[in-house]
Protein backbone atom coordinates (compact mmCIF):
# COMPACT_ATOMS: atom_id res chain seq x y z
CA UNK A 1 148.58 90.99 197.58
CA UNK A 2 149.54 90.69 200.83
CA UNK A 3 152.95 89.56 202.09
CA UNK A 4 153.39 86.35 203.90
CA UNK A 5 154.35 88.73 207.17
CA UNK A 6 150.44 89.78 206.89
CA UNK A 7 149.35 86.53 207.73
CA UNK A 8 151.62 85.74 210.16
CA UNK A 9 153.90 88.58 211.76
CA UNK A 10 156.67 85.74 212.84
CA UNK A 11 157.43 85.52 209.48
CA UNK A 12 158.93 89.10 209.43
CA UNK A 13 160.89 88.74 211.54
CA UNK A 14 162.78 85.48 210.65
CA UNK A 15 161.52 83.23 213.16
CA UNK A 16 161.80 79.30 212.49
CA UNK A 17 158.35 78.79 211.36
CA UNK A 18 156.10 75.70 209.74
CA UNK A 19 153.72 78.17 207.73
CA UNK A 20 150.68 76.26 206.22
CA UNK A 21 148.78 79.09 204.72
CA UNK A 22 147.44 77.31 201.80
CA UNK A 23 148.88 79.89 199.41
CA UNK A 24 148.58 78.89 195.43
CA UNK A 25 151.28 80.71 194.39
CA UNK A 26 153.83 83.65 195.48
CA UNK A 27 153.12 87.23 193.75
CA UNK A 28 155.60 90.15 193.38
CA UNK A 29 154.86 93.82 193.91
CA UNK A 30 153.19 94.21 190.91
CA UNK A 31 150.86 91.11 191.50
CA UNK A 32 153.02 89.07 188.80
CA UNK A 33 153.32 85.30 189.59
CA UNK A 34 156.56 84.43 190.78
CA UNK A 35 156.19 80.87 192.42
CA UNK A 36 153.58 78.69 191.84
CA UNK A 37 152.79 76.25 194.47
CA UNK A 38 151.29 72.79 193.40
CA UNK A 39 149.53 70.15 195.73
CA UNK A 40 149.86 66.27 195.53
CA UNK A 41 147.80 64.15 197.79
CA UNK A 42 149.51 62.05 200.38
CA UNK A 43 152.91 63.89 199.41
CA UNK A 44 155.93 62.68 201.13
CA UNK A 45 158.79 64.38 199.22
CA UNK A 46 159.34 68.03 198.64
CA UNK A 47 161.83 70.67 197.72
CA UNK A 48 164.10 72.15 200.34
CA UNK A 49 165.95 75.54 199.76
CA UNK A 50 169.13 76.31 201.84
CA UNK A 51 170.91 79.34 202.54
CA UNK A 52 174.43 79.16 203.17
CA UNK A 53 177.85 80.72 205.02
CA UNK A 54 180.24 82.61 203.10
CA UNK A 55 181.97 80.86 200.33
CA UNK A 56 179.78 78.11 199.77
CA UNK A 57 176.67 77.78 197.75
CA UNK A 58 172.92 77.96 198.82
CA UNK A 59 171.01 74.80 197.69
CA UNK A 60 167.57 73.74 196.07
CA UNK A 61 167.58 70.25 197.36
CA UNK A 62 165.02 67.01 196.44
CA UNK A 63 164.13 66.20 200.05
CA UNK A 64 161.33 64.04 201.87
CA UNK A 65 160.65 60.80 203.61
CA UNK A 66 162.31 58.20 200.70
CA UNK A 67 165.67 57.31 201.10
CA UNK A 68 166.85 58.82 197.75
CA UNK A 69 165.14 61.81 196.42
CA UNK A 70 165.70 62.85 193.23
CA UNK A 71 164.93 66.91 192.08
CA UNK A 72 163.56 67.19 188.50
CA UNK A 73 163.78 70.30 186.34
CA UNK A 74 161.91 70.83 183.37
CA UNK A 75 160.96 73.32 180.75
CA UNK A 76 157.39 74.03 179.53
CA UNK A 77 156.39 72.82 176.31
CA UNK A 78 159.98 72.44 174.08
CA UNK A 79 161.33 74.74 176.45
CA UNK A 80 164.70 73.19 178.21
CA UNK A 81 166.52 74.11 181.75
CA UNK A 82 169.16 76.31 180.79
CA UNK A 83 172.33 75.93 182.87
CA UNK A 84 174.49 78.70 184.26
CA UNK A 85 176.01 81.16 182.36
CA UNK A 86 176.71 80.84 178.62
CA UNK A 87 179.70 82.66 176.22
CA UNK A 88 181.98 81.72 173.15
CA UNK A 89 185.39 82.08 172.09
CA UNK A 90 187.78 81.62 169.23
CA UNK A 91 191.10 79.85 169.16
CA UNK A 92 193.64 78.04 167.35
CA UNK A 93 196.12 75.65 168.91
CA UNK A 94 196.22 77.08 172.49
CA UNK A 95 194.70 78.59 175.39
CA UNK A 96 191.36 80.56 175.93
CA UNK A 97 189.77 81.99 179.06
CA UNK A 98 185.80 81.51 178.99
CA UNK A 99 184.55 81.62 182.57
CA UNK A 100 180.83 80.76 181.79
CA UNK A 101 179.16 77.25 182.84
CA UNK A 102 178.48 76.26 179.56
CA UNK A 103 179.39 78.09 175.62
CA UNK A 104 181.13 77.03 172.82
CA UNK A 105 184.93 77.43 171.63
CA UNK A 106 184.98 77.91 167.65
CA UNK A 107 188.49 76.69 166.13
CA UNK A 108 190.56 78.93 164.23
CA UNK A 109 190.91 76.56 160.57
CA UNK A 110 192.16 73.29 161.33
CA UNK A 111 194.11 71.51 158.67
CA UNK A 112 196.71 68.33 158.79
CA UNK A 113 198.95 70.21 156.68
CA UNK A 114 199.69 72.96 160.06
CA UNK A 115 199.03 70.13 162.32
CA UNK A 116 197.40 66.60 162.78
CA UNK A 117 196.48 67.69 166.23
CA UNK A 118 195.80 70.82 167.81
CA UNK A 119 195.75 70.87 171.55
CA UNK A 120 193.46 73.58 173.54
CA UNK A 121 193.45 74.54 176.80
CA UNK A 122 189.96 75.83 178.58
CA UNK A 123 190.74 78.12 181.32
CA UNK A 124 187.55 78.44 183.00
CA UNK A 125 186.69 79.42 186.62
CA UNK A 126 183.42 77.24 186.59
CA UNK A 127 185.61 74.04 187.02
CA UNK A 128 185.84 72.94 190.14
CA UNK A 129 188.25 69.71 191.38
CA UNK A 130 185.29 67.37 191.72
CA UNK A 131 183.47 69.12 188.27
CA UNK A 132 182.52 66.93 185.19
CA UNK A 133 182.77 68.49 181.74
CA UNK A 134 181.09 67.78 179.10
CA UNK A 135 182.41 68.25 175.38
CA UNK A 136 180.99 67.46 172.18
CA UNK A 137 182.65 68.14 169.05
CA UNK A 138 180.26 69.68 165.65
CA UNK A 139 179.81 72.05 162.96
CA UNK A 140 182.98 71.07 160.87
CA UNK A 141 183.13 73.14 157.80
CA UNK A 142 186.11 71.82 155.99
CA UNK A 143 185.39 69.96 152.73
CA UNK A 144 187.22 67.20 153.56
CA UNK A 145 188.40 64.86 156.46
CA UNK A 146 186.47 64.55 159.90
CA UNK A 147 187.74 65.44 163.01
CA UNK A 148 187.53 64.11 166.39
CA UNK A 149 187.84 65.35 169.75
CA UNK A 150 190.28 63.50 172.23
CA UNK A 151 189.25 62.65 176.17
CA UNK A 152 189.92 65.93 177.80
CA UNK A 153 192.04 66.28 181.14
CA UNK A 154 190.42 68.31 183.71
CA UNK A 155 192.14 69.88 186.77
CA UNK A 156 190.52 72.88 188.77
CA UNK A 157 189.84 75.88 186.83
CA UNK A 158 191.08 73.91 183.15
CA UNK A 159 190.64 71.62 180.79
CA UNK A 160 192.83 70.35 177.94
CA UNK A 161 191.75 68.66 174.91
CA UNK A 162 192.56 67.87 171.62
CA UNK A 163 191.03 67.96 167.84
CA UNK A 164 192.78 65.99 165.30
CA UNK A 165 192.13 63.79 162.28
CA UNK A 166 190.35 60.30 162.14
CA UNK A 167 193.28 58.15 160.63
CA UNK A 168 190.37 56.01 158.12
CA UNK A 169 187.22 57.75 157.15
CA UNK A 170 184.85 58.01 154.61
CA UNK A 171 185.65 61.31 153.48
CA UNK A 172 189.23 61.03 153.60
CA UNK A 173 191.59 61.65 156.74
CA UNK A 174 192.95 65.13 155.57
CA UNK A 175 191.34 67.93 157.97
CA UNK A 176 191.26 70.56 155.00
CA UNK A 177 191.07 74.24 156.30
CA UNK A 178 187.49 73.73 158.06
CA UNK A 179 186.71 75.45 161.92
CA UNK A 180 185.01 72.82 164.09
CA UNK A 181 182.66 73.94 167.27
CA UNK A 182 183.41 72.16 170.66
CA UNK A 183 180.49 73.36 173.10
CA UNK A 184 180.96 72.41 176.84
CA UNK A 185 179.16 72.16 179.71
CA UNK A 186 180.48 72.14 183.60
CA UNK A 187 178.47 70.09 185.93
């Protein structure tokens, strides 16, 4: 398949162009689809792709004639949109470094006999001053009690949160030697 520069030599030299080639897709060197281009009659909004200076992020932005233009990301079928890198770490009360945008922190055994509240410090270079960090507690393996996740305090490069025992639950308030998983996403 020909390259864009085969249609318009100005593309090869990086000129600022408005190229209307009626392409249905863009393919790689092996003639496999890289990007499918769809059409909508009377479209006024579009996706803008911008490069950046050193130290700044390139952008994929919803743009167009409307004052407010959302950008929809979706997977096919039951597929999901995956955000950034992923990893996991295991910590007890204390600190762990996980420099990924999303992941799982698995605690060591939590027990009310050792501490009613365990404090955790997730050090993560993806957390910026304006970042939102979503924390979710799940996968409690203990035989009694039901742990709760305290609100996280976020500063650049780290979030501090606590896991403790709920004072009154049907299962009882004692945490009996179970581990928990804290899932996080840095937005």
